[in-house]
Amino acid sequence: MVALPALASGVGLALSLPPWGWWVLAFHAAGLLWWRLGGLRMRTRLWAGWLAGLGTEAVAGAALRGVGIPACIGSGRSAARQVLAAVSAPAGAAPTP
């Protein structure tokens, strides 16, 4: 039973940081991971750490509208569309978000 506590600690650590800012979760999440790693072999500790990172990355990706190169390309395309819309709008028109 390593996977669930490791994932939960990763999610808790991610939620303790901005934009959520539920900082109280940081102590509980770190303590949960510390407790789960105690007494495990090195390979199992690496697996638990990887799962905690996966939980953190999943929550961060949800906040950032994606993770990785495809998300970066999509974000760039969205920004380019907004710039083109602002440049091609008539003078005095209100910008659209």
Protein backbone atom coordinates (compact mmCIF):
# COMPACT_ATOMS: atom_id res chain seq x y z
CA MET A 1 0.00 0.00 0.00
CA VAL A 2 2.45 2.61 -1.23
CA ALA A 3 0.69 4.15 -4.22
CA LEU A 4 -2.33 5.80 -2.63
CA PRO A 5 -0.51 7.66 0.20
CA ALA A 6 2.21 8.78 -2.22
CA LEU A 7 -0.30 10.15 -4.74
CA ALA A 8 -2.29 11.81 -1.96
CA SER A 9 0.81 13.51 -0.59
CA GLY A 10 1.69 14.82 -4.04
CA VAL A 11 -1.79 16.24 -4.53
CA GLY A 12 -1.68 17.78 -1.06
CA LEU A 13 1.68 19.42 -1.73
CA ALA A 14 0.41 20.86 -5.01
CA LEU A 15 -2.73 22.24 -3.39
CA SER A 16 -0.64 23.95 -0.71
CA LEU A 17 0.97 26.22 -3.32
CA PRO A 18 -0.51 29.05 -5.42
CA PRO A 19 -2.96 29.41 -7.11
CA TRP A 20 -4.83 27.39 -4.47
CA GLY A 21 -2.72 28.38 -1.48
CA TRP A 22 -4.10 25.92 1.06
CA TRP A 23 -0.77 26.08 2.87
CA VAL A 24 -1.92 23.98 5.84
CA LEU A 25 -1.96 20.93 3.56
CA ALA A 26 1.81 21.17 3.05
CA PHE A 27 2.57 19.90 6.55
CA HIS A 28 0.15 17.00 6.37
CA ALA A 29 1.19 16.01 2.84
CA ALA A 30 4.90 16.10 3.66
CA GLY A 31 4.27 14.14 6.85
CA LEU A 32 2.25 11.55 4.94
CA LEU A 33 5.05 11.05 2.43
CA TRP A 34 7.67 10.91 5.20
CA TRP A 35 5.62 8.29 7.05
CA ARG A 36 5.06 6.22 3.90
CA LEU A 37 8.75 6.19 2.97
CA GLY A 38 9.83 4.90 6.38
CA GLY A 39 11.12 1.34 6.33
CA LEU A 40 10.85 0.82 2.59
CA ARG A 41 13.56 -0.44 0.25
CA MET A 42 15.30 2.09 -1.98
CA ARG A 43 13.50 0.96 -5.13
CA THR A 44 10.11 1.28 -3.44
CA ARG A 45 11.07 4.72 -2.11
CA LEU A 46 11.91 5.84 -5.63
CA TRP A 47 8.55 4.51 -6.84
CA ALA A 48 6.71 6.37 -4.05
CA GLY A 49 8.59 9.59 -4.81
CA TRP A 50 7.76 9.28 -8.48
CA LEU A 51 4.09 8.79 -7.65
CA ALA A 52 4.12 11.83 -5.36
CA GLY A 53 5.62 13.86 -8.19
CA LEU A 54 2.96 12.52 -10.54
CA GLY A 55 0.23 13.67 -8.16
CA THR A 56 1.81 17.10 -7.91
CA GLU A 57 2.22 17.38 -11.68
CA ALA A 58 -1.38 16.34 -12.35
CA VAL A 59 -2.74 19.10 -10.13
CA ALA A 60 -0.30 21.68 -11.50
CA GLY A 61 -1.21 20.69 -15.05
CA ALA A 62 -4.87 21.26 -14.27
CA ALA A 63 -4.06 24.77 -13.06
CA LEU A 64 -1.91 25.55 -16.09
CA ARG A 65 -4.33 24.08 -18.65
CA GLY A 66 -1.95 21.27 -19.50
CA VAL A 67 1.63 20.11 -19.19
CA GLY A 68 4.20 19.45 -21.89
CA ILE A 69 4.92 20.53 -25.42
CA PRO A 70 1.35 20.18 -26.78
CA ALA A 71 0.07 22.45 -23.99
CA CYS A 72 2.81 25.00 -24.76
CA ILE A 73 1.89 24.99 -28.46
CA GLY A 74 -1.80 25.43 -27.63
CA SER A 75 -1.01 28.29 -25.27
CA GLY A 76 1.11 29.98 -27.94
CA ARG A 77 -1.64 29.64 -30.54
CA SER A 78 -4.18 31.12 -28.14
CA ALA A 79 -1.89 34.07 -27.40
CA ALA A 80 -1.28 34.64 -31.12
CA ARG A 81 -5.04 34.67 -31.78
CA GLN A 82 -5.54 37.26 -29.04
CA VAL A 83 -2.75 39.46 -30.43
CA LEU A 84 -4.11 39.23 -33.97
CA ALA A 85 -7.61 40.06 -32.75
CA ALA A 86 -6.32 43.10 -30.85
CA VAL A 87 -4.27 44.33 -33.83
CA SER A 88 -7.07 43.89 -36.35
CA ALA A 89 -9.78 45.47 -34.14
CA PRO A 90 -10.92 48.96 -35.10
CA ALA A 91 -9.55 51.87 -33.10
CA GLY A 92 -11.45 52.44 -29.88
CA ALA A 93 -13.03 48.97 -29.80
CA ALA A 94 -13.05 47.18 -26.47
CA PRO A 95 -10.64 44.20 -26.39
CA THR A 96 -12.15 40.76 -25.94
CA PRO A 97 -10.65 38.38 -23.37
